[in-house]
């Protein structure tokens, strides 16, 4: 293990920025485990995302993060594939997530956000994670997929087990790994049944389209549905929650948005940079490659510290400060890496952005004087997904 930083340490969950600074100061590549390295700098993470020499390696049998694990038993195995299979499967779902297709959902998302916020304001004090940040993206992705509203409540335990199970296996207990397998099985059984029903009686939802208008096999459809459901609400939930936390801690930035609510879309980009929801994506060298002054053998694992890259002063001015207008036109700010880029660029990025923009616009119009009831909330027991476990707030109209 590197002598500088264990980025997965629970002590770093509340504020990893000082540790990131230490890592960036001492080098570009740090051995974390034999054959696995940490990558803390923006330019290096950016280069890896765009380099076809790096991928996931699960289906080539060279992924070092879950040795010996059949990738087909993991949630969202489509996400773990490399081209050309990844490209084929991604193409089947991509049309539903274009900017134009997502823009058509704005009215419904706005109605849902307004309803959730009105309830929260009426209650006065709520857990913002449970009562707002979680149900908004869950409702949206379930509606897109065609999941009946009555079934939403069934997903909580399964989703939590899968979310925890996304961490590297070395960080999981046997119970957590078994829970992941059980949850994947439960979701697979549920979606296999729902897909058959949609094939028999198609609707206007995404699952019906995939089931009736593509050549995907049932196992591929099921895997796609599980991935979209989990990725479609977990990351957005964390983005919304950490965004609210950032605004609560930076009242000057909240006032900027209060005066200019139309700037919420720029603020969302800053929330993604400032407290990245998926801070440690991984890649594997698919062949021997020269990188960061080293020769990396095939099968070498890289943990891309995107949370660190998005705070790199070589890329961003005053990176540890929140600036909700940082990504406004004319500022010349480089892209953040929260959604990666290249072949594995997050297909759901337009949806996450729209939901977050709508939520913060509605929040600042309906309840701009929100107040944290716990100034130091606990963060989730996960390294793959970053966000507060709960966020008690007081909302005032």
Protein backbone atom coordinates (compact mmCIF):
# COMPACT_ATOMS: atom_id res chain seq x y z
CA UNK A 1 0.00 0.00 0.00
CA UNK A 2 1.18 3.53 -0.65
CA UNK A 3 2.65 5.24 2.36
CA UNK A 4 0.91 8.49 1.41
CA UNK A 5 -2.79 7.73 1.42
CA UNK A 6 -5.36 5.01 1.63
CA UNK A 7 -8.12 6.80 -0.31
CA UNK A 8 -10.71 4.35 0.99
CA UNK A 9 -10.13 5.18 4.66
CA UNK A 10 -13.37 6.01 6.51
CA UNK A 11 -11.58 8.96 8.12
CA UNK A 12 -11.42 10.65 4.71
CA UNK A 13 -15.08 10.43 3.82
CA UNK A 14 -16.07 13.76 5.34
CA UNK A 15 -13.29 15.72 3.61
CA UNK A 16 -10.81 13.94 1.33
CA UNK A 17 -9.40 17.17 -0.20
CA UNK A 18 -6.29 17.47 2.06
CA UNK A 19 -5.33 13.86 1.33
CA UNK A 20 -5.80 14.45 -2.39
CA UNK A 21 -3.44 17.42 -2.20
CA UNK A 22 -0.82 15.25 -0.50
CA UNK A 23 -1.04 12.60 -3.18
CA UNK A 24 -0.81 15.06 -6.05
CA UNK A 25 2.24 16.68 -4.46
CA UNK A 26 4.36 13.55 -4.39
CA UNK A 27 3.86 12.01 -7.81
CA UNK A 28 1.72 10.87 -10.69
CA UNK A 29 1.41 7.15 -9.97
CA UNK A 30 1.30 5.40 -6.60
CA UNK A 31 1.25 1.65 -6.00
CA UNK A 32 -1.76 0.84 -3.84
CA UNK A 33 -1.62 -2.93 -4.09
CA UNK A 34 0.67 -5.11 -6.22
CA UNK A 35 -0.42 -4.45 -9.79
CA UNK A 36 -2.86 -1.67 -8.81
CA UNK A 37 -1.96 2.02 -8.88
CA UNK A 38 -3.58 5.30 -7.84
CA UNK A 39 -3.77 8.12 -10.40
CA UNK A 40 -4.42 11.52 -8.72
CA UNK A 41 -3.78 14.13 -11.45
CA UNK A 42 -6.25 15.62 -13.91
CA UNK A 43 -4.12 15.27 -17.04
CA UNK A 44 -3.42 11.59 -16.36
CA UNK A 45 -7.03 10.66 -15.56
CA UNK A 46 -8.17 12.58 -18.63
CA UNK A 47 -5.65 10.71 -20.80
CA UNK A 48 -6.69 7.28 -19.52
CA UNK A 49 -10.37 7.89 -20.25
CA UNK A 50 -9.59 8.66 -23.87
CA UNK A 51 -6.99 5.95 -24.48
CA UNK A 52 -8.27 2.66 -26.01
CA UNK A 53 -5.30 0.90 -24.39
CA UNK A 54 -7.30 1.08 -21.15
CA UNK A 55 -10.62 -0.56 -20.45
CA UNK A 56 -12.21 -2.83 -17.86
CA UNK A 57 -10.75 -6.21 -18.75
CA UNK A 58 -13.41 -8.24 -16.94
CA UNK A 59 -14.35 -10.37 -19.93
CA UNK A 60 -10.69 -10.82 -20.87
CA UNK A 61 -9.97 -12.31 -17.47
CA UNK A 62 -7.40 -9.65 -16.57
CA UNK A 63 -9.31 -7.40 -14.16
CA UNK A 64 -7.39 -7.28 -10.86
CA UNK A 65 -10.16 -5.73 -8.79
CA UNK A 66 -12.36 -8.83 -8.59
CA UNK A 67 -10.08 -11.77 -9.40
CA UNK A 68 -11.92 -15.00 -10.02
CA UNK A 69 -15.37 -13.39 -10.08
CA UNK A 70 -17.62 -14.17 -13.05
CA UNK A 71 -18.54 -10.70 -14.41
CA UNK A 72 -21.96 -11.99 -15.44
CA UNK A 73 -22.84 -12.25 -11.74
CA UNK A 74 -22.05 -8.58 -11.18
CA UNK A 75 -24.63 -5.80 -11.49
CA UNK A 76 -24.59 -4.00 -14.80
CA UNK A 77 -22.10 -6.25 -16.55
CA UNK A 78 -22.74 -4.21 -19.73
CA UNK A 79 -20.87 -1.38 -18.01
CA UNK A 80 -17.92 -3.71 -17.39
CA UNK A 81 -17.53 -4.69 -21.04
CA UNK A 82 -15.09 -3.24 -23.53
CA UNK A 83 -15.66 -2.51 -27.23
CA UNK A 84 -17.00 -3.94 -29.43
CA UNK A 85 -19.58 -5.61 -27.14
CA UNK A 86 -19.92 -2.52 -24.99
CA UNK A 87 -20.43 -0.40 -28.11
CA UNK A 88 -23.16 -2.73 -29.41
CA UNK A 89 -25.14 -2.72 -26.18
CA UNK A 90 -24.68 0.99 -25.55
CA UNK A 91 -26.04 1.78 -29.02
CA UNK A 92 -29.32 0.04 -28.17
CA UNK A 93 -30.08 2.34 -25.25
CA UNK A 94 -28.33 5.56 -26.28
CA UNK A 95 -31.29 7.05 -28.23
CA UNK A 96 -33.33 7.24 -25.02
CA UNK A 97 -30.65 9.41 -23.39
CA UNK A 98 -29.92 12.00 -26.05
CA UNK A 99 -30.23 15.63 -24.98
CA UNK A 100 -33.43 15.99 -27.03
CA UNK A 101 -35.04 12.85 -25.59
CA UNK A 102 -34.18 13.88 -22.03
CA UNK A 103 -35.39 17.46 -22.55
CA UNK A 104 -38.86 16.04 -23.24
CA UNK A 105 -38.93 14.82 -19.63
CA UNK A 106 -38.47 18.28 -18.11
CA UNK A 107 -42.15 18.91 -17.39
CA UNK A 108 -42.66 15.61 -15.60
CA UNK A 109 -39.43 15.97 -13.63
CA UNK A 110 -40.45 19.50 -12.62
CA UNK A 111 -43.83 18.27 -11.39
CA UNK A 112 -42.21 15.52 -9.33
CA UNK A 113 -39.59 17.85 -7.86
CA UNK A 114 -42.23 20.44 -6.98
CA UNK A 115 -44.41 17.84 -5.27
CA UNK A 116 -41.51 16.47 -3.21
CA UNK A 117 -40.35 19.94 -2.18
CA UNK A 118 -43.85 21.10 -1.29
CA UNK A 119 -44.22 18.10 1.02
CA UNK A 120 -40.83 18.78 2.55
CA UNK A 121 -41.63 22.45 3.15
CA UNK A 122 -44.96 21.51 4.71
CA UNK A 123 -43.17 19.07 7.03
CA UNK A 124 -40.61 21.69 7.96
CA UNK A 125 -37.82 19.32 8.95
CA UNK A 126 -36.93 16.34 6.74
CA UNK A 127 -34.10 14.05 5.77
CA UNK A 128 -33.31 15.56 2.40
CA UNK A 129 -31.75 12.31 1.16
CA UNK A 130 -34.75 10.13 2.01
CA UNK A 131 -37.51 12.60 1.20
CA UNK A 132 -36.18 14.43 -1.88
CA UNK A 133 -32.82 13.31 -3.31
CA UNK A 134 -33.72 9.60 -3.40
CA UNK A 135 -37.32 9.58 -4.69
CA UNK A 136 -36.83 12.11 -7.51
CA UNK A 137 -34.36 10.08 -9.63
CA UNK A 138 -35.95 6.77 -8.63
CA UNK A 139 -39.34 7.95 -9.83
CA UNK A 140 -37.82 9.28 -13.05
CA UNK A 141 -35.88 6.17 -14.06
CA UNK A 142 -38.71 3.83 -13.06
CA UNK A 143 -41.12 5.85 -15.19
CA UNK A 144 -38.71 5.73 -18.13
CA UNK A 145 -38.34 1.97 -17.78
CA UNK A 146 -42.04 1.35 -17.27
CA UNK A 147 -41.74 -0.01 -13.73
CA UNK A 148 -45.15 0.16 -12.01
CA UNK A 149 -45.29 2.71 -9.19
CA UNK A 150 -46.45 0.04 -6.75
CA UNK A 151 -43.15 -1.81 -7.23
CA UNK A 152 -40.81 1.09 -6.36
CA UNK A 153 -40.76 0.25 -2.67
CA UNK A 154 -39.44 -3.25 -3.40
CA UNK A 155 -36.13 -1.94 -4.67
CA UNK A 156 -34.70 -0.30 -1.55
CA UNK A 157 -32.94 -3.30 0.01
CA UNK A 158 -31.83 -4.73 -3.34
CA UNK A 159 -30.45 -1.40 -4.53
CA UNK A 160 -28.58 -0.81 -1.27
CA UNK A 161 -26.95 -4.25 -1.47
CA UNK A 162 -25.88 -3.69 -5.07
CA UNK A 163 -24.62 -0.18 -4.38
CA UNK A 164 -22.45 -1.44 -1.54
CA UNK A 165 -21.33 -4.35 -3.70
CA UNK A 166 -19.93 -2.03 -6.36
CA UNK A 167 -16.88 -1.50 -4.15
CA UNK A 168 -13.81 -3.67 -4.86
CA UNK A 169 -14.26 -7.14 -3.41
CA UNK A 170 -11.22 -6.69 -1.16
CA UNK A 171 -13.20 -4.05 0.74
CA UNK A 172 -16.33 -6.19 1.17
CA UNK A 173 -17.22 -8.77 3.78
CA UNK A 174 -18.44 -12.20 2.71
CA UNK A 175 -21.94 -11.17 3.82
CA UNK A 176 -21.85 -8.09 1.59
CA UNK A 177 -20.69 -10.10 -1.40
CA UNK A 178 -23.44 -12.66 -0.85
CA UNK A 179 -25.99 -9.87 -0.47
CA UNK A 180 -24.87 -8.46 -3.81
CA UNK A 181 -25.35 -11.81 -5.53
CA UNK A 182 -28.79 -12.22 -3.95
CA UNK A 183 -29.82 -8.69 -4.97
CA UNK A 184 -28.67 -9.19 -8.57
CA UNK A 185 -30.70 -12.41 -8.65
CA UNK A 186 -33.79 -10.71 -7.22
CA UNK A 187 -33.58 -7.86 -9.73
CA UNK A 188 -32.98 -10.29 -12.58
CA UNK A 189 -36.04 -12.33 -11.66
CA UNK A 190 -38.16 -9.19 -11.36
CA UNK A 191 -37.07 -7.70 -14.68
CA UNK A 192 -37.25 -10.99 -16.59
CA UNK A 193 -40.92 -11.19 -15.63
CA UNK A 194 -41.56 -7.53 -16.45
CA UNK A 195 -39.82 -7.82 -19.83
CA UNK A 196 -41.99 -10.77 -20.81
CA UNK A 197 -45.07 -8.75 -19.89
CA UNK A 198 -43.85 -5.80 -21.94
CA UNK A 199 -43.21 -8.07 -24.92
CA UNK A 200 -46.78 -9.32 -24.68
CA UNK A 201 -48.28 -5.87 -24.08
CA UNK A 202 -45.82 -3.15 -25.10
CA UNK A 203 -46.18 0.37 -23.77
CA UNK A 204 -44.48 3.68 -24.48
CA UNK A 205 -41.67 3.00 -22.01
CA UNK A 206 -37.99 2.25 -22.62
CA UNK A 207 -38.21 -1.37 -21.51
CA UNK A 208 -40.96 -2.04 -24.06
CA UNK A 209 -38.84 -0.43 -26.78
CA UNK A 210 -35.79 -2.50 -25.89
CA UNK A 211 -37.82 -5.70 -25.62
CA UNK A 212 -39.67 -5.33 -28.93
CA UNK A 213 -37.41 -3.28 -31.21
CA UNK A 214 -33.91 -4.58 -30.51
CA UNK A 215 -32.19 -7.92 -30.97
CA UNK A 216 -30.97 -8.03 -27.38
CA UNK A 217 -31.18 -11.38 -25.63
CA UNK A 218 -33.25 -11.66 -22.46
CA UNK A 219 -30.13 -11.81 -20.27
CA UNK A 220 -28.83 -8.64 -21.93
CA UNK A 221 -32.16 -6.87 -21.45
CA UNK A 222 -32.27 -7.84 -17.80
CA UNK A 223 -28.71 -6.69 -17.21
CA UNK A 224 -29.42 -3.39 -18.96
CA UNK A 225 -32.54 -2.80 -16.89
CA UNK A 226 -30.70 -3.46 -13.60
CA UNK A 227 -27.86 -1.14 -14.62
CA UNK A 228 -30.18 1.68 -15.67
CA UNK A 229 -32.20 1.42 -12.49
CA UNK A 230 -29.19 1.44 -10.15
CA UNK A 231 -27.05 3.95 -12.02
CA UNK A 232 -30.11 6.01 -12.88
CA UNK A 233 -30.90 6.95 -9.31
CA UNK A 234 -27.89 6.28 -7.06
CA UNK A 235 -25.48 8.76 -8.63
CA UNK A 236 -28.11 11.47 -9.09
CA UNK A 237 -29.26 11.07 -5.51
CA UNK A 238 -25.70 11.70 -4.33
CA UNK A 239 -25.23 14.62 -6.71
CA UNK A 240 -28.35 16.33 -5.38
CA UNK A 241 -27.49 15.65 -1.74
CA UNK A 242 -23.88 16.83 -1.96
CA UNK A 243 -25.01 19.86 -3.96
CA UNK A 244 -27.40 20.89 -1.22
CA UNK A 245 -24.69 20.31 1.38
CA UNK A 246 -22.27 22.51 -0.58
CA UNK A 247 -24.79 25.36 -0.87
CA UNK A 248 -25.68 25.14 2.81
CA UNK A 249 -22.00 25.47 3.71
CA UNK A 250 -21.40 28.31 1.23
CA UNK A 251 -24.20 30.84 1.76
CA UNK A 252 -22.54 33.37 -0.55
CA UNK A 253 -22.89 30.90 -3.44
CA UNK A 254 -26.48 30.15 -2.47
CA UNK A 255 -27.22 33.87 -2.73
CA UNK A 256 -25.80 33.97 -6.24
CA UNK A 257 -28.19 31.21 -7.31
CA UNK A 258 -31.04 32.78 -5.42
CA UNK A 259 -30.55 35.93 -7.48
CA UNK A 260 -29.90 33.99 -10.69
CA UNK A 261 -31.86 30.71 -10.53
CA UNK A 262 -31.35 30.26 -14.27
CA UNK A 263 -27.69 29.58 -13.44
CA UNK A 264 -28.60 26.30 -11.75
CA UNK A 265 -27.35 24.36 -14.77
CA UNK A 266 -23.88 25.87 -14.30
CA UNK A 267 -24.01 25.16 -10.58
CA UNK A 268 -24.72 21.47 -11.25
CA UNK A 269 -21.45 21.20 -13.19
CA UNK A 270 -19.64 22.74 -10.22
CA UNK A 271 -21.31 20.32 -7.79
CA UNK A 272 -20.10 17.45 -9.98
CA UNK A 273 -16.56 18.81 -9.86
CA UNK A 274 -16.52 19.94 -6.24
CA UNK A 275 -17.77 16.68 -4.68
CA UNK A 276 -17.71 14.02 -7.38
CA UNK A 277 -20.42 11.34 -6.88
CA UNK A 278 -18.30 8.54 -8.40
CA UNK A 279 -14.83 9.48 -7.16
CA UNK A 280 -12.81 6.32 -7.89
CA UNK A 281 -13.57 4.73 -11.29
CA UNK A 282 -11.15 2.02 -12.37
CA UNK A 283 -9.46 1.03 -15.60
CA UNK A 284 -7.16 -1.82 -16.64
CA UNK A 285 -4.30 -1.84 -19.13
CA UNK A 286 -5.57 -4.04 -21.98
CA UNK A 287 -2.02 -4.33 -23.32
CA UNK A 288 1.44 -3.28 -22.22
CA UNK A 289 1.46 0.51 -22.24
CA UNK A 290 3.71 3.44 -21.39
CA UNK A 291 2.03 5.67 -18.84
CA UNK A 292 3.21 8.33 -16.40
CA UNK A 293 6.83 7.46 -17.09
CA UNK A 294 6.31 3.76 -16.38
CA UNK A 295 5.82 0.64 -18.45
CA UNK A 296 2.58 -0.95 -17.25
CA UNK A 297 2.12 -4.65 -18.02
CA UNK A 298 -1.15 -5.91 -19.45
CA UNK A 299 -3.64 -6.36 -16.63
CA UNK A 300 -2.33 -3.49 -14.49
CA UNK A 301 -5.17 -1.84 -12.61
CA UNK A 302 -5.56 1.92 -12.26
CA UNK A 303 -7.77 3.60 -9.67
CA UNK A 304 -8.50 6.98 -11.22
CA UNK A 305 -8.92 9.43 -8.36
CA UNK A 306 -11.40 11.60 -10.20
CA UNK A 307 -12.31 13.36 -6.97
CA UNK A 308 -8.67 14.45 -6.79
CA UNK A 309 -8.43 15.24 -10.51
CA UNK A 310 -11.43 17.53 -10.22
CA UNK A 311 -9.59 19.46 -7.47
CA UNK A 312 -6.27 19.66 -9.35
CA UNK A 313 -4.94 23.25 -9.37
CA UNK A 314 -3.16 22.53 -12.65
CA UNK A 315 -6.62 22.31 -14.23
CA UNK A 316 -8.87 24.49 -12.06
CA UNK A 317 -8.30 27.88 -10.46
CA UNK A 318 -8.76 27.85 -6.68
CA UNK A 319 -10.08 24.27 -6.92
CA UNK A 320 -11.05 23.82 -3.26
CA UNK A 321 -13.46 26.77 -3.43
CA UNK A 322 -17.08 26.39 -4.53
CA UNK A 323 -17.88 28.69 -7.47
CA UNK A 324 -21.36 28.07 -8.85
CA UNK A 325 -20.57 30.14 -11.95
CA UNK A 326 -17.24 28.43 -12.68
CA UNK A 327 -18.71 26.64 -15.72
CA UNK A 328 -20.65 29.64 -17.06
CA UNK A 329 -19.93 30.52 -20.71
CA UNK A 330 -16.83 32.60 -21.24
CA UNK A 331 -15.00 31.41 -18.14
CA UNK A 332 -12.80 28.97 -20.08
CA UNK A 333 -13.06 26.25 -17.46
CA UNK A 334 -11.91 22.81 -18.65
CA UNK A 335 -14.39 19.96 -18.49
CA UNK A 336 -14.66 18.10 -15.22
CA UNK A 337 -14.23 14.34 -15.25
CA UNK A 338 -17.22 13.32 -13.14
CA UNK A 339 -18.86 11.51 -16.06
CA UNK A 340 -15.51 10.36 -17.55
CA UNK A 341 -15.35 10.60 -21.36
CA UNK A 342 -14.47 8.38 -24.28
CA UNK A 343 -16.17 5.01 -24.91
CA UNK A 344 -17.43 4.75 -21.33
CA UNK A 345 -18.77 8.30 -21.00
CA UNK A 346 -21.83 8.11 -18.76
CA UNK A 347 -24.83 7.57 -21.01
CA UNK A 348 -27.14 8.93 -18.31
CA UNK A 349 -25.29 12.25 -17.93
CA UNK A 350 -28.02 14.37 -19.62
CA UNK A 351 -30.65 12.88 -17.32
CA UNK A 352 -28.61 13.45 -14.16
CA UNK A 353 -27.91 17.02 -15.20
CA UNK A 354 -31.53 17.83 -16.00
CA UNK A 355 -32.93 16.37 -12.78
CA UNK A 356 -30.38 18.22 -10.68
CA UNK A 357 -30.89 21.51 -12.51
CA UNK A 358 -34.66 21.27 -12.09
CA UNK A 359 -34.42 20.31 -8.43
CA UNK A 360 -32.14 23.20 -7.48
CA UNK A 361 -34.15 25.68 -9.53
CA UNK A 362 -37.33 24.62 -7.74
CA UNK A 363 -35.62 24.52 -4.35
CA UNK A 364 -34.28 28.08 -4.63
CA UNK A 365 -37.67 29.34 -5.72
CA UNK A 366 -39.70 27.46 -3.10
CA UNK A 367 -37.43 27.16 -0.07
CA UNK A 368 -34.23 29.21 -0.46
CA UNK A 369 -33.66 29.54 3.29
CA UNK A 370 -32.85 25.89 3.98
CA UNK A 371 -30.75 25.10 7.01
CA UNK A 372 -28.62 22.10 7.92
CA UNK A 373 -29.67 20.45 11.18
CA UNK A 374 -26.47 18.39 11.30
CA UNK A 375 -23.42 20.41 10.23
CA UNK A 376 -21.28 17.26 9.92
CA UNK A 377 -23.44 14.53 8.35
CA UNK A 378 -22.14 10.99 8.03
CA UNK A 379 -21.20 9.77 4.58
CA UNK A 380 -22.18 6.45 3.09
CA UNK A 381 -20.08 3.36 3.72
CA UNK A 382 -19.00 3.15 0.10
CA UNK A 383 -16.02 4.15 -1.99
CA UNK A 384 -17.70 3.68 -5.37
CA UNK A 385 -20.49 6.11 -4.58
CA UNK A 386 -19.95 9.27 -2.53
CA UNK A 387 -22.79 11.00 -0.72
CA UNK A 388 -24.23 11.68 2.73
CA UNK A 389 -26.06 8.83 4.41
CA UNK A 390 -28.69 11.27 5.63
CA UNK A 391 -29.08 15.04 5.49
CA UNK A 392 -31.48 16.49 8.07
CA UNK A 393 -32.56 19.96 6.98
CA UNK A 394 -35.11 22.61 7.88
CA UNK A 395 -36.91 24.06 4.88
CA UNK A 396 -38.71 27.39 4.95
CA UNK A 397 -40.70 28.89 2.10
